Protein backbone atom coordinates (compact mmCIF):
# COMPACT_ATOMS: atom_id res chain seq x y z
CA UNK A 1 118.56 117.27 129.95
CA UNK A 2 115.26 116.93 131.79
CA UNK A 3 115.09 114.28 134.52
CA UNK A 4 111.98 112.18 135.06
CA UNK A 5 110.85 110.14 138.05
CA UNK A 6 110.77 106.47 136.94
CA UNK A 7 107.76 105.43 139.06
CA UNK A 8 105.66 108.36 137.92
CA UNK A 9 106.82 107.83 134.36
CA UNK A 10 105.72 104.19 134.41
CA UNK A 11 102.30 105.11 135.82
CA UNK A 12 101.67 107.72 133.09
CA UNK A 13 102.78 105.38 130.29
CA UNK A 14 100.45 102.70 131.66
CA UNK A 15 97.44 105.00 131.95
CA UNK A 16 98.07 106.55 128.52
CA UNK A 17 98.06 103.14 126.84
CA UNK A 18 94.95 102.02 128.71
CA UNK A 19 93.24 105.21 127.52
CA UNK A 20 94.20 104.16 123.98
CA UNK A 21 92.31 100.89 124.50
CA UNK A 22 95.33 98.70 125.29
CA UNK A 23 94.70 95.98 127.89
CA UNK A 24 96.19 96.69 131.29
CA UNK A 25 98.31 93.53 131.15
CA UNK A 26 99.85 94.50 127.80
CA UNK A 27 100.25 98.14 128.83
CA UNK A 28 102.03 97.10 132.02
CA UNK A 29 104.63 95.13 130.05
CA UNK A 30 105.24 98.08 127.71
CA UNK A 31 105.60 100.51 130.62
CA UNK A 32 107.85 98.17 132.61
CA UNK A 33 110.06 97.44 129.61
CA UNK A 34 110.48 101.08 128.58
CA UNK A 35 111.20 102.39 132.07
CA UNK A 36 113.56 99.59 133.13
CA UNK A 37 115.39 99.88 129.81
CA UNK A 38 115.89 103.62 130.30
CA UNK A 39 116.98 103.04 133.90
CA UNK A 40 119.62 100.67 132.53
CA UNK A 41 120.93 103.46 130.30
CA UNK A 42 119.71 102.02 127.00
CA UNK A 43 117.90 105.20 125.98
CA UNK A 44 117.57 104.17 122.33
CA UNK A 45 115.09 101.43 123.33
CA UNK A 46 113.49 103.08 126.35
CA UNK A 47 110.94 105.84 126.95
CA UNK A 48 112.15 107.78 123.89
CA UNK A 49 110.16 105.32 121.76
CA UNK A 50 106.85 105.81 123.57
CA UNK A 51 105.42 108.57 121.32
CA UNK A 52 106.08 106.37 118.28
CA UNK A 53 104.32 103.44 119.92
CA UNK A 54 101.26 105.59 120.68
CA UNK A 55 101.10 106.71 117.05
CA UNK A 56 101.37 103.07 115.95
CA UNK A 57 98.50 101.98 118.20
CA UNK A 58 96.25 104.80 117.07
CA UNK A 59 97.04 104.06 113.42
CA UNK A 60 96.40 100.33 113.80
CA UNK A 61 99.93 99.04 113.17
CA UNK A 62 99.93 97.72 116.74
CA UNK A 63 96.68 96.10 117.87
CA UNK A 64 95.37 97.34 121.20
CA UNK A 65 93.36 94.14 121.73
CA UNK A 66 95.09 91.35 119.79
CA UNK A 67 93.95 87.74 119.64
CA UNK A 68 97.23 86.05 120.60
CA UNK A 69 97.35 82.31 119.91
CA UNK A 70 99.81 79.90 121.55
CA UNK A 71 100.17 76.42 120.07
CA UNK A 72 102.37 73.81 121.73
CA UNK A 73 103.90 71.69 119.00
CA UNK A 74 106.13 69.40 121.09
CA UNK A 75 107.16 68.63 124.65
CA UNK A 76 109.55 71.60 124.69
CA UNK A 77 108.38 73.65 121.73
CA UNK A 78 105.59 76.14 121.07
CA UNK A 79 104.58 78.73 118.49
CA UNK A 80 102.95 82.05 119.29
CA UNK A 81 101.03 84.17 116.78
CA UNK A 82 101.14 87.68 118.25
CA UNK A 83 98.39 89.08 116.00
CA UNK A 84 100.32 92.37 115.82
CA UNK A 85 100.36 92.92 119.58
CA UNK A 86 102.93 95.02 121.34
CA UNK A 87 106.16 93.04 121.04
CA UNK A 88 106.83 93.66 124.73
CA UNK A 89 103.60 91.83 125.60
CA UNK A 90 103.88 89.02 123.06
CA UNK A 91 107.54 88.48 123.96
CA UNK A 92 106.75 88.26 127.66
CA UNK A 93 104.02 85.70 126.97
CA UNK A 94 106.45 83.70 124.84
CA UNK A 95 109.22 83.75 127.43
CA UNK A 96 106.74 82.77 130.14
CA UNK A 97 105.75 79.79 127.99
CA UNK A 98 109.39 78.90 127.31
CA UNK A 99 110.11 79.01 131.06
CA UNK A 100 107.05 76.87 131.78
CA UNK A 101 108.21 74.27 129.27
CA UNK A 102 111.72 74.38 130.74
CA UNK A 103 110.32 73.61 134.20
CA UNK A 104 108.64 70.55 132.72
CA UNK A 105 111.34 69.19 130.41
CA UNK A 106 114.51 71.19 131.06
CA UNK A 107 114.39 73.26 127.87
CA UNK A 108 111.69 75.43 126.34
CA UNK A 109 111.68 77.16 122.95
CA UNK A 110 109.01 79.44 121.51
CA UNK A 111 108.88 81.14 118.12
CA UNK A 112 106.79 84.28 117.62
CA UNK A 113 105.23 85.52 114.38
CA UNK A 114 103.21 88.61 113.41
CA UNK A 115 104.70 90.76 116.15
CA UNK A 116 105.93 94.34 116.45
CA UNK A 117 109.04 96.06 117.81
CA UNK A 118 109.70 94.53 121.23
CA UNK A 119 112.09 97.10 122.70
CA UNK A 120 115.16 95.80 124.50
CA UNK A 121 115.80 92.05 124.31
CA UNK A 122 117.17 92.09 127.85
CA UNK A 123 113.65 92.56 129.21
CA UNK A 124 112.80 88.99 128.20
CA UNK A 125 116.08 87.15 128.83
CA UNK A 126 116.20 88.59 132.36
CA UNK A 127 112.74 87.13 133.04
CA UNK A 128 114.17 83.66 132.44
CA UNK A 129 117.33 84.34 134.46
CA UNK A 130 115.21 85.48 137.41
CA UNK A 131 113.44 82.11 137.23
CA UNK A 132 116.76 80.23 137.59
CA UNK A 133 117.00 79.57 133.87
CA UNK A 134 119.44 80.57 131.18
CA UNK A 135 117.48 82.92 128.95
CA UNK A 136 117.95 83.59 125.25
CA UNK A 137 115.98 86.23 123.33
CA UNK A 138 116.30 87.02 119.60
CA UNK A 139 114.41 89.24 117.18
CA UNK A 140 114.75 90.23 113.58
CA UNK A 141 114.32 93.77 112.31
CA UNK A 142 114.13 95.68 109.05
CA UNK A 143 117.21 95.56 106.82
CA UNK A 144 119.60 98.21 108.11
CA UNK A 145 122.89 96.29 108.27
CA UNK A 146 125.04 96.38 105.14
CA UNK A 147 125.70 92.94 103.74
CA UNK A 148 129.40 92.12 104.01
CA UNK A 149 131.13 93.01 100.76
CA UNK A 150 127.96 94.55 99.28
CA UNK A 151 126.72 98.10 98.84
CA UNK A 152 123.26 97.54 100.28
CA UNK A 153 121.78 96.24 103.53
CA UNK A 154 120.05 92.86 103.84
CA UNK A 155 119.64 91.80 107.50
CA UNK A 156 118.50 93.91 110.41
CA UNK A 157 120.34 94.76 113.60
CA UNK A 158 118.97 91.37 114.72
CA UNK A 159 119.96 91.45 118.41
CA UNK A 160 120.95 88.50 120.57
CA UNK A 161 120.44 88.57 124.33
CA UNK A 162 121.76 85.99 126.81
CA UNK A 163 121.11 86.18 130.56
CA UNK A 164 122.01 83.91 133.49
CA UNK A 165 121.56 84.25 137.27
CA UNK A 166 124.42 85.24 139.57
CA UNK A 167 124.97 84.49 143.24
CA UNK A 168 124.67 87.89 144.93
CA UNK A 169 123.72 90.45 142.29
CA UNK A 170 121.39 90.97 139.36
CA UNK A 171 121.86 88.48 136.48
CA UNK A 172 124.68 88.61 133.99
CA UNK A 173 123.19 89.93 130.75
CA UNK A 174 124.74 90.26 127.30
CA UNK A 175 122.37 92.21 125.05
CA UNK A 176 123.96 93.04 121.72
CA UNK A 177 122.93 93.96 118.23
CA UNK A 178 124.69 92.07 115.46
CA UNK A 179 125.46 95.50 114.02
CA UNK A 180 128.23 97.64 115.47
CA UNK A 181 125.65 100.09 116.87
CA UNK A 182 121.86 100.41 116.83
CA UNK A 183 120.09 102.56 114.23
CA UNK A 184 118.56 104.60 117.03
CA UNK A 185 122.07 105.72 118.04
CA UNK A 186 122.62 107.09 114.55
CA UNK A 187 119.26 108.85 114.79
CA UNK A 188 120.31 110.38 118.11
CA UNK A 189 123.43 111.88 116.52
CA UNK A 190 121.33 113.05 113.55
CA UNK A 191 118.93 114.79 115.92
CA UNK A 192 121.80 116.51 117.71
CA UNK A 193 123.49 117.53 114.48
CA UNK A 194 126.69 115.71 115.49
CA UNK A 195 129.09 113.58 113.46
CA UNK A 196 129.13 109.82 113.98
CA UNK A 197 132.31 107.69 114.17
CA UNK A 198 133.37 106.76 110.65
CA UNK A 199 133.02 103.00 111.20
CA UNK A 200 129.35 103.14 112.26
CA UNK A 201 127.42 103.60 109.03
CA UNK A 202 127.46 103.76 105.23
CA UNK A 203 125.86 105.83 102.47
CA UNK A 204 123.83 104.54 99.51
CA UNK A 205 127.03 103.48 97.72
CA UNK A 206 128.31 101.46 100.67
CA UNK A 207 130.94 104.04 101.61
CA UNK A 208 131.70 104.88 105.23
CA UNK A 209 130.31 108.26 106.34
CA UNK A 210 130.52 110.54 109.37
CA UNK A 211 127.44 112.55 108.44
CA UNK A 212 124.43 110.78 110.02
CA UNK A 213 122.11 112.42 107.46
CA UNK A 214 123.85 110.41 104.72
CA UNK A 215 123.64 107.12 106.62
CA UNK A 216 121.43 104.43 105.12
CA UNK A 217 122.99 101.26 106.50
CA UNK A 218 125.01 100.07 109.50
CA UNK A 219 128.28 98.23 109.88
CA UNK A 220 127.93 94.61 111.06
CA UNK A 221 129.76 93.91 114.31
CA UNK A 222 133.05 92.19 113.53
CA UNK A 223 132.62 92.42 109.77
CA UNK A 224 131.57 89.11 108.20
CA UNK A 225 131.14 87.55 111.66
CA UNK A 226 128.41 89.96 112.71
CA UNK A 227 126.82 89.63 109.29
CA UNK A 228 126.76 85.86 109.77
CA UNK A 229 125.22 86.16 113.23
CA UNK A 230 122.51 88.41 111.84
CA UNK A 231 121.63 85.71 109.33
CA UNK A 232 121.42 83.09 112.09
CA UNK A 233 118.96 85.30 113.97
CA UNK A 234 116.72 85.43 110.90
CA UNK A 235 116.85 81.63 110.67
CA UNK A 236 115.60 81.25 114.24
CA UNK A 237 113.10 84.11 114.12
CA UNK A 238 111.72 84.25 110.59
CA UNK A 239 112.20 80.80 109.08
CA UNK A 240 111.10 78.75 112.10
CA UNK A 241 107.96 80.87 112.48
CA UNK A 242 107.31 81.02 108.71
CA UNK A 243 107.59 84.80 108.80
CA UNK A 244 109.25 87.43 106.62
CA UNK A 245 113.01 87.88 106.78
CA UNK A 246 114.70 91.18 107.60
CA UNK A 247 114.97 92.26 103.97
CA UNK A 248 111.17 92.17 103.64
CA UNK A 249 110.22 93.91 106.91
CA UNK A 250 108.90 97.44 106.59
CA UNK A 251 111.09 100.17 108.13
CA UNK A 252 110.06 101.21 111.63
CA UNK A 253 109.97 104.98 111.17
CA UNK A 254 109.72 105.71 107.45
CA UNK A 255 107.01 103.29 106.30
CA UNK A 256 103.31 104.28 106.55
CA UNK A 257 102.44 104.08 110.26
CA UNK A 258 99.26 102.08 109.60
CA UNK A 259 101.08 99.26 107.81
CA UNK A 260 101.98 96.18 109.87
CA UNK A 261 105.57 95.00 109.99
CA UNK A 262 105.29 91.26 110.81
CA UNK A 263 108.38 91.10 112.99
CA UNK A 264 109.32 87.70 114.45
CA UNK A 265 111.14 86.66 117.62
CA UNK A 266 112.60 83.53 119.20
CA UNK A 267 112.96 82.70 122.89
CA UNK A 268 114.62 79.87 124.80
CA UNK A 269 114.85 78.97 128.47
CA UNK A 270 117.19 76.33 129.90
CA UNK A 271 116.35 75.12 133.42
CA UNK A 272 119.72 75.06 135.13
CA UNK A 273 118.78 72.46 137.74
CA UNK A 274 118.25 69.92 134.95
CA UNK A 275 121.95 70.20 134.16
CA UNK A 276 123.58 70.87 137.53
CA UNK A 277 122.92 72.19 141.03
CA UNK A 278 121.55 75.71 140.55
CA UNK A 279 123.29 77.13 143.63
CA UNK A 280 126.68 75.80 142.50
CA UNK A 281 126.00 77.22 139.03
CA UNK A 282 125.21 80.64 140.50
CA UNK A 283 128.38 80.51 142.60
CA UNK A 284 130.56 79.42 139.66
CA UNK A 285 129.08 82.09 137.41
CA UNK A 286 129.65 84.72 140.07
CA UNK A 287 133.25 83.56 140.47
CA UNK A 288 133.89 83.81 136.73
CA UNK A 289 132.39 87.31 136.56
CA UNK A 290 134.37 88.49 139.60
CA UNK A 291 137.65 87.07 138.26
CA UNK A 292 137.20 89.01 135.01
CA UNK A 293 136.52 92.20 136.96
CA UNK A 294 139.70 91.81 139.02
CA UNK A 295 141.97 91.64 135.96
CA UNK A 296 144.53 94.45 135.84
CA UNK A 297 143.10 97.27 133.68
CA UNK A 298 145.04 99.12 131.00
CA UNK A 299 143.79 102.41 132.47
CA UNK A 300 143.60 102.53 136.26
CA UNK A 301 140.60 104.86 136.02
CA UNK A 302 138.59 102.50 133.81
CA UNK A 303 137.67 99.20 135.51
CA UNK A 304 137.46 95.91 133.65
CA UNK A 305 133.81 94.99 133.24
CA UNK A 306 131.64 92.17 131.94
CA UNK A 307 128.54 92.55 129.81
CA UNK A 308 125.74 94.23 131.72
CA UNK A 309 127.99 96.10 134.17
CA UNK A 310 127.45 99.50 132.50
CA UNK A 311 123.69 98.93 132.63
CA UNK A 312 123.85 98.05 136.34
CA UNK A 313 125.84 101.22 137.00
CA UNK A 314 123.35 103.37 135.10
CA UNK A 315 120.46 101.77 136.95
CA UNK A 316 121.99 102.58 140.35
CA UNK A 317 122.57 106.19 139.31
CA UNK A 318 119.23 106.75 137.60
CA UNK A 319 117.15 105.30 140.40
CA UNK A 320 118.56 108.13 142.49
CA UNK A 321 118.73 110.98 139.96
CA UNK A 322 115.92 110.08 137.55
CA UNK A 323 115.81 109.19 133.88
CA UNK A 324 117.41 111.86 131.65
CA UNK A 325 115.64 112.81 128.45
CA UNK A 326 116.46 115.40 125.81
CA UNK A 327 114.15 118.41 125.62
CA UNK A 328 112.97 117.48 122.13
CA UNK A 329 111.92 114.03 123.30
CA UNK A 330 110.30 115.49 126.41
CA UNK A 331 108.25 117.79 124.16
CA UNK A 332 107.07 114.71 122.23
CA UNK A 333 105.99 113.05 125.48
CA UNK A 334 104.05 116.16 126.53
CA UNK A 335 102.31 116.19 123.15
CA UNK A 336 101.12 112.64 123.86
CA UNK A 337 100.01 113.34 127.43
CA UNK A 338 100.47 116.59 129.37
CA UNK A 339 100.61 114.51 132.56
CA UNK A 340 104.25 113.72 131.80
CA UNK A 341 105.07 117.14 133.21
CA UNK A 342 104.24 115.76 136.67
CA UNK A 343 107.13 113.27 136.30
CA UNK A 344 109.77 116.01 136.03
CA UNK A 345 112.26 115.98 138.90
CA UNK A 346 114.50 118.75 137.57
């Protein structure tokens, strides 16, 4: 592994995008999302994706200077047409609008159409949690999750992210795909030439496989339950924004890079103080989290955790040691901008 300094990494990502014609505001959201996501240990949605994003901007799939339109359609509701902007930027604008509406009415909801891959959903839900709101972020994706009982895929990994503030630490954050694992994890094993667990993915006939090269679809989390959740995500994201559903979204990596994918998202913010005292809520939430953590573990060496604890641990470690990246991915970064070599710690 090669270890990269997160601050230097963010600066180079930002300058590279600006050199590609991306606005500084949009580029800052992309850089912040990728670096914070990698710091949190979610490498599949972090800096590893940057070379792909640069190719997409240069090819025109992602617009460097989009004409984003926000239309408020009710006291607590708005629609955002991303005009094929970076999803990180469009999503941040949408969550900012949802939070603004929540400050006014208690609840804000914003649908997003004509967007692109937005990285990790946690980036947006945490924005709401840090504003003393409950944050909810959803996105659809191309069809990679096998339909329950079928041979073929229909819905995407369609993640759901939920974040709320705590009393004396970073927010609680559940960020989960409705598939058992992300497709990028399968790609990581494929790149390493390693077998995947047999319950992760399926071949073209819908049979479970351990060879990542034969994988064409993913297992929904919890069988029919995860499949059902994936469908709900498409209802919120695609149907409410009059966009295409997962089955009709172009694949991220294998479709022509110049073709636009028309991904859709959905964001909600709930202003806690409209329901109860925000300080008491923070205290009660902290108490619940702490009580779970103090449960007796099965293995004394493995503590009981809540969602987001592994990410907090990784963040503490990586702030000190740097962001690890495989040599192949580092080579891709260098091909984009040789300045990435100046971010190497060891």
